[in-house]
């Protein structure tokens, strides 16, 4: 039996910040993709804007309590599906799109115009880019998911380091382990896969994750051997599962949240 200690935050209450701290005037888009729709670095907040191929960019902090200005970064010729800030350079932003390319942008320090062109472009690769994530411990290494394949890029050399074996269906999420040794993925074929990209392009482990292929997400718990998956049961109930890669045949814990008829 799994035992969990009571959280010290169990009696806390959520409170809205003061109105002066709100970021208003945001016109966000509604994008149907497996990627992220808002991300933040220590300097900027990026989000999908209403116009296809455009991200809204807002400073994380403003001086003297002034109003934040929303800038636009015109990234791609089609919908931006995912984006990620580099953990080594808080001004470096990678974007992926339906136009099949990955672009890397250098945002300004502050108070300057957004760049009109990307620092570099990877692709096109023949398939819309669905997921992006920078490596947590290796500077300039980026994982991109497109269709059924994950590619690991050396951004500085503008070339792929390796392409992992094809998945059985559409890739839905990818996540680096906190120490960068392993990469986990979830897929529309209902399987969760673990890869060691340095050792082999083939998955070292795989398991049936969630019984419904509607959607899924995977998240490592830091540098531990545990990860969390979010998906749907056969009855379309939203569920969260806790996994240990040392015993990957079955979930350690399954929690059902609610039912989604949509």
Protein backbone atom coordinates (compact mmCIF):
# COMPACT_ATOMS: atom_id res chain seq x y z
CA UNK A 1 0.00 0.00 0.00
CA UNK A 2 1.26 3.48 -0.87
CA UNK A 3 1.34 5.91 2.04
CA UNK A 4 1.42 9.66 1.51
CA UNK A 5 2.12 12.23 4.19
CA UNK A 6 -0.36 15.05 4.64
CA UNK A 7 0.69 18.20 2.81
CA UNK A 8 1.49 21.29 4.85
CA UNK A 9 -0.55 23.23 2.30
CA UNK A 10 -3.76 21.25 2.84
CA UNK A 11 -5.51 24.12 4.66
CA UNK A 12 -4.37 26.94 2.38
CA UNK A 13 -6.83 29.01 0.41
CA UNK A 14 -6.42 30.50 -3.04
CA UNK A 15 -6.72 34.26 -3.13
CA UNK A 16 -6.79 36.58 -6.11
CA UNK A 17 -3.94 39.09 -6.25
CA UNK A 18 -4.66 42.76 -6.04
CA UNK A 19 -6.19 44.24 -9.15
CA UNK A 20 -3.03 46.25 -9.80
CA UNK A 21 -1.17 42.96 -10.34
CA UNK A 22 -3.58 41.71 -13.02
CA UNK A 23 -2.46 41.51 -16.63
CA UNK A 24 -5.38 42.84 -18.65
CA UNK A 25 -6.05 43.41 -22.34
CA UNK A 26 -5.02 39.86 -23.28
CA UNK A 27 -6.59 38.60 -26.51
CA UNK A 28 -5.61 34.96 -26.47
CA UNK A 29 -6.43 32.49 -29.21
CA UNK A 30 -8.18 29.14 -28.92
CA UNK A 31 -5.84 26.63 -30.55
CA UNK A 32 -6.58 22.91 -30.95
CA UNK A 33 -3.17 21.31 -30.47
CA UNK A 34 -1.30 18.99 -28.10
CA UNK A 35 1.19 21.71 -27.18
CA UNK A 36 1.39 24.43 -24.56
CA UNK A 37 -0.64 27.61 -24.94
CA UNK A 38 1.18 29.70 -22.35
CA UNK A 39 4.80 29.60 -21.14
CA UNK A 40 6.94 31.92 -19.02
CA UNK A 41 10.64 32.60 -18.49
CA UNK A 42 12.20 34.90 -15.89
CA UNK A 43 11.60 37.81 -18.30
CA UNK A 44 8.63 37.11 -20.55
CA UNK A 45 5.24 35.41 -20.74
CA UNK A 46 4.31 33.98 -24.15
CA UNK A 47 0.84 32.85 -25.23
CA UNK A 48 -1.11 31.98 -28.37
CA UNK A 49 -2.69 35.11 -29.84
CA UNK A 50 -5.89 35.27 -31.88
CA UNK A 51 -4.12 35.49 -35.24
CA UNK A 52 -2.66 32.26 -36.64
CA UNK A 53 1.12 32.10 -36.45
CA UNK A 54 1.36 34.87 -33.84
CA UNK A 55 2.35 34.78 -30.16
CA UNK A 56 1.51 37.44 -27.64
CA UNK A 57 4.49 38.47 -25.51
CA UNK A 58 4.11 40.19 -22.13
CA UNK A 59 6.87 41.16 -19.66
CA UNK A 60 6.75 39.09 -16.49
CA UNK A 61 7.32 42.15 -14.35
CA UNK A 62 6.73 45.84 -14.88
CA UNK A 63 8.56 48.76 -13.30
CA UNK A 64 6.90 51.05 -10.79
CA UNK A 65 3.57 49.22 -11.06
CA UNK A 66 3.00 50.38 -14.63
CA UNK A 67 0.73 48.69 -17.10
CA UNK A 68 2.19 45.80 -19.07
CA UNK A 69 2.27 46.19 -22.84
CA UNK A 70 1.30 43.20 -24.98
CA UNK A 71 3.63 42.77 -27.97
CA UNK A 72 3.19 40.46 -30.94
CA UNK A 73 5.75 38.02 -32.28
CA UNK A 74 4.87 36.98 -35.84
CA UNK A 75 6.40 33.51 -35.82
CA UNK A 76 4.99 31.31 -38.56
CA UNK A 77 2.83 31.23 -41.66
CA UNK A 78 0.37 28.89 -39.89
CA UNK A 79 -0.83 28.04 -36.37
CA UNK A 80 1.80 27.93 -33.61
CA UNK A 81 1.28 24.53 -31.96
CA UNK A 82 3.88 24.63 -29.18
CA UNK A 83 6.72 26.75 -27.80
CA UNK A 84 9.33 26.60 -25.04
CA UNK A 85 11.88 28.87 -23.36
CA UNK A 86 15.45 27.64 -22.95
CA UNK A 87 16.36 26.87 -19.31
CA UNK A 88 19.87 28.25 -20.03
CA UNK A 89 18.86 31.51 -21.75
CA UNK A 90 15.63 33.14 -20.64
CA UNK A 91 15.46 35.22 -23.83
CA UNK A 92 15.67 32.21 -26.16
CA UNK A 93 12.27 30.95 -27.37
CA UNK A 94 11.65 27.96 -29.66
CA UNK A 95 8.37 27.73 -31.59
CA UNK A 96 6.80 24.92 -33.63
CA UNK A 97 3.99 25.16 -36.14
CA UNK A 98 1.62 23.49 -38.54
CA UNK A 99 3.89 24.92 -41.25
CA UNK A 100 6.26 22.00 -40.37
CA UNK A 101 9.13 24.18 -39.10
CA UNK A 102 10.80 24.85 -35.76
CA UNK A 103 12.12 28.38 -35.24
CA UNK A 104 14.35 29.80 -32.52
CA UNK A 105 13.95 33.45 -31.52
CA UNK A 106 15.97 35.80 -29.33
CA UNK A 107 13.63 38.11 -27.48
CA UNK A 108 14.83 41.56 -26.38
CA UNK A 109 15.90 42.37 -22.84
CA UNK A 110 13.01 44.80 -22.34
CA UNK A 111 11.41 47.85 -23.89
CA UNK A 112 12.53 46.95 -27.42
CA UNK A 113 10.69 45.77 -30.52
CA UNK A 114 10.15 42.07 -31.03
CA UNK A 115 12.42 40.47 -33.66
CA UNK A 116 11.06 40.41 -37.22
CA UNK A 117 12.89 37.21 -38.17
CA UNK A 118 14.00 34.04 -36.40
CA UNK A 119 17.59 33.43 -35.44
CA UNK A 120 17.39 30.02 -37.10
CA UNK A 121 14.87 27.67 -38.69
CA UNK A 122 14.84 23.87 -38.50
CA UNK A 123 12.86 22.04 -41.18
CA UNK A 124 10.42 21.79 -42.82
CA UNK A 125 10.16 18.14 -41.93
CA UNK A 126 7.12 17.06 -43.94
CA UNK A 127 4.78 16.87 -40.90
CA UNK A 128 3.29 19.57 -38.65
CA UNK A 129 5.29 20.06 -35.46
CA UNK A 130 3.21 19.16 -32.39
CA UNK A 131 5.51 19.29 -29.35
CA UNK A 132 8.73 21.04 -28.28
CA UNK A 133 10.88 20.89 -25.16
CA UNK A 134 14.41 22.03 -24.45
CA UNK A 135 16.75 19.62 -22.69
CA UNK A 136 16.94 20.48 -18.96
CA UNK A 137 20.70 19.93 -18.51
CA UNK A 138 22.32 20.19 -21.98
CA UNK A 139 22.41 23.69 -23.46
CA UNK A 140 21.18 23.93 -27.05
CA UNK A 141 19.52 20.51 -27.21
CA UNK A 142 15.86 20.51 -28.23
CA UNK A 143 13.32 17.69 -28.67
CA UNK A 144 10.54 18.12 -31.22
CA UNK A 145 7.59 15.84 -31.90
CA UNK A 146 5.94 15.73 -35.32
CA UNK A 147 3.38 13.13 -36.34
CA UNK A 148 4.69 9.77 -35.12
CA UNK A 149 8.33 10.77 -34.63
CA UNK A 150 10.51 12.57 -32.08
CA UNK A 151 13.70 14.30 -33.25
CA UNK A 152 16.50 15.49 -30.95
CA UNK A 153 18.19 18.63 -32.36
CA UNK A 154 21.52 20.34 -31.77
CA UNK A 155 20.27 23.91 -32.11
CA UNK A 156 23.77 25.41 -32.37
CA UNK A 157 24.75 23.11 -35.25
CA UNK A 158 21.23 23.30 -36.75
CA UNK A 159 21.13 19.55 -37.32
CA UNK A 160 19.46 16.50 -35.74
CA UNK A 161 21.41 14.47 -33.22
CA UNK A 162 19.06 11.50 -33.51
CA UNK A 163 15.55 10.54 -34.58
CA UNK A 164 13.74 8.12 -32.28
CA UNK A 165 11.82 5.13 -33.62
CA UNK A 166 8.38 5.80 -35.03
CA UNK A 167 5.44 5.66 -32.63
CA UNK A 168 2.35 3.59 -33.42
CA UNK A 169 0.16 6.67 -33.90
CA UNK A 170 0.04 10.43 -33.37
CA UNK A 171 2.39 11.69 -30.63
CA UNK A 172 0.48 13.51 -27.87
CA UNK A 173 3.18 14.61 -25.44
CA UNK A 174 6.87 14.36 -24.64
CA UNK A 175 8.82 15.16 -21.46
CA UNK A 176 12.47 15.09 -20.43
CA UNK A 177 13.40 13.61 -17.08
CA UNK A 178 14.77 16.29 -14.75
CA UNK A 179 18.36 15.07 -15.07
CA UNK A 180 18.03 14.82 -18.87
CA UNK A 181 18.93 11.13 -19.08
CA UNK A 182 15.56 9.86 -20.32
CA UNK A 183 12.69 11.08 -22.48
CA UNK A 184 9.09 9.97 -21.97
CA UNK A 185 6.27 10.14 -24.52
CA UNK A 186 2.55 9.48 -24.69
CA UNK A 187 0.83 8.55 -27.91
CA UNK A 188 -2.59 8.11 -29.46
CA UNK A 189 -1.94 4.33 -29.56
CA UNK A 190 -2.51 4.55 -25.75
CA UNK A 191 1.09 3.65 -24.90
CA UNK A 192 3.61 5.42 -22.69
CA UNK A 193 7.21 5.01 -23.84
CA UNK A 194 10.58 5.65 -22.20
CA UNK A 195 13.63 6.40 -24.36
CA UNK A 196 17.33 6.75 -23.63
CA UNK A 197 18.30 8.76 -26.74
CA UNK A 198 22.03 8.38 -26.08
CA UNK A 199 21.84 4.58 -26.04
CA UNK A 200 19.31 3.70 -28.75
CA UNK A 201 16.54 5.20 -30.90
CA UNK A 202 14.25 2.37 -29.74
CA UNK A 203 12.08 2.67 -26.64
CA UNK A 204 13.66 0.99 -23.63
CA UNK A 205 10.26 0.55 -21.94
CA UNK A 206 6.60 0.85 -22.92
CA UNK A 207 3.27 0.22 -21.22
CA UNK A 208 -0.43 0.72 -21.89
CA UNK A 209 -1.17 4.06 -20.27
CA UNK A 210 -4.84 5.07 -20.58
CA UNK A 211 -7.63 3.08 -22.24
CA UNK A 212 -9.06 6.04 -24.19
CA UNK A 213 -6.89 7.71 -26.84
CA UNK A 214 -8.72 11.05 -26.72
CA UNK A 215 -5.72 12.90 -25.26
CA UNK A 216 -2.87 12.38 -22.80
CA UNK A 217 0.02 14.18 -21.12
CA UNK A 218 3.18 12.97 -19.42
CA UNK A 219 5.20 14.74 -16.73
CA UNK A 220 8.36 13.63 -14.92
CA UNK A 221 8.54 14.25 -11.19
CA UNK A 222 11.86 16.07 -11.31
CA UNK A 223 14.88 13.77 -11.53
CA UNK A 224 13.16 10.88 -9.74
CA UNK A 225 12.14 7.59 -11.34
CA UNK A 226 8.47 8.55 -11.06
CA UNK A 227 6.27 10.24 -13.60
CA UNK A 228 2.64 11.29 -13.86
CA UNK A 229 0.34 10.69 -16.82
CA UNK A 230 -2.98 12.39 -17.43
CA UNK A 231 -5.55 10.87 -19.79
CA UNK A 232 -9.00 9.29 -20.09
CA UNK A 233 -10.46 5.95 -19.09
CA UNK A 234 -12.56 3.79 -21.40
CA UNK A 235 -15.64 5.55 -19.97
CA UNK A 236 -14.14 8.97 -20.79
CA UNK A 237 -13.36 9.73 -17.18
CA UNK A 238 -10.40 12.05 -16.68
CA UNK A 239 -7.74 10.20 -14.71
CA UNK A 240 -4.27 10.72 -13.33
CA UNK A 241 -1.79 7.85 -12.94
CA UNK A 242 1.47 7.70 -11.02
CA UNK A 243 4.20 5.47 -12.49
CA UNK A 244 7.59 4.21 -11.33
CA UNK A 245 9.92 3.38 -14.23
CA UNK A 246 11.58 0.71 -12.09
CA UNK A 247 8.22 -1.13 -12.03
CA UNK A 248 6.68 0.13 -15.22
CA UNK A 249 4.24 -2.72 -15.87
CA UNK A 250 1.44 -1.16 -13.78
CA UNK A 251 0.59 2.24 -12.37
CA UNK A 252 1.38 2.76 -8.68
CA UNK A 253 -1.72 4.89 -8.22
CA UNK A 254 -4.79 5.80 -10.30
CA UNK A 255 -7.06 8.71 -9.46
CA UNK A 256 -10.31 9.46 -11.32
CA UNK A 257 -11.25 13.13 -11.53
CA UNK A 258 -14.49 13.57 -13.50
CA UNK A 259 -16.28 12.61 -16.71
CA UNK A 260 -15.93 14.52 -19.96
CA UNK A 261 -18.67 13.97 -22.58
CA UNK A 262 -16.94 16.30 -25.08
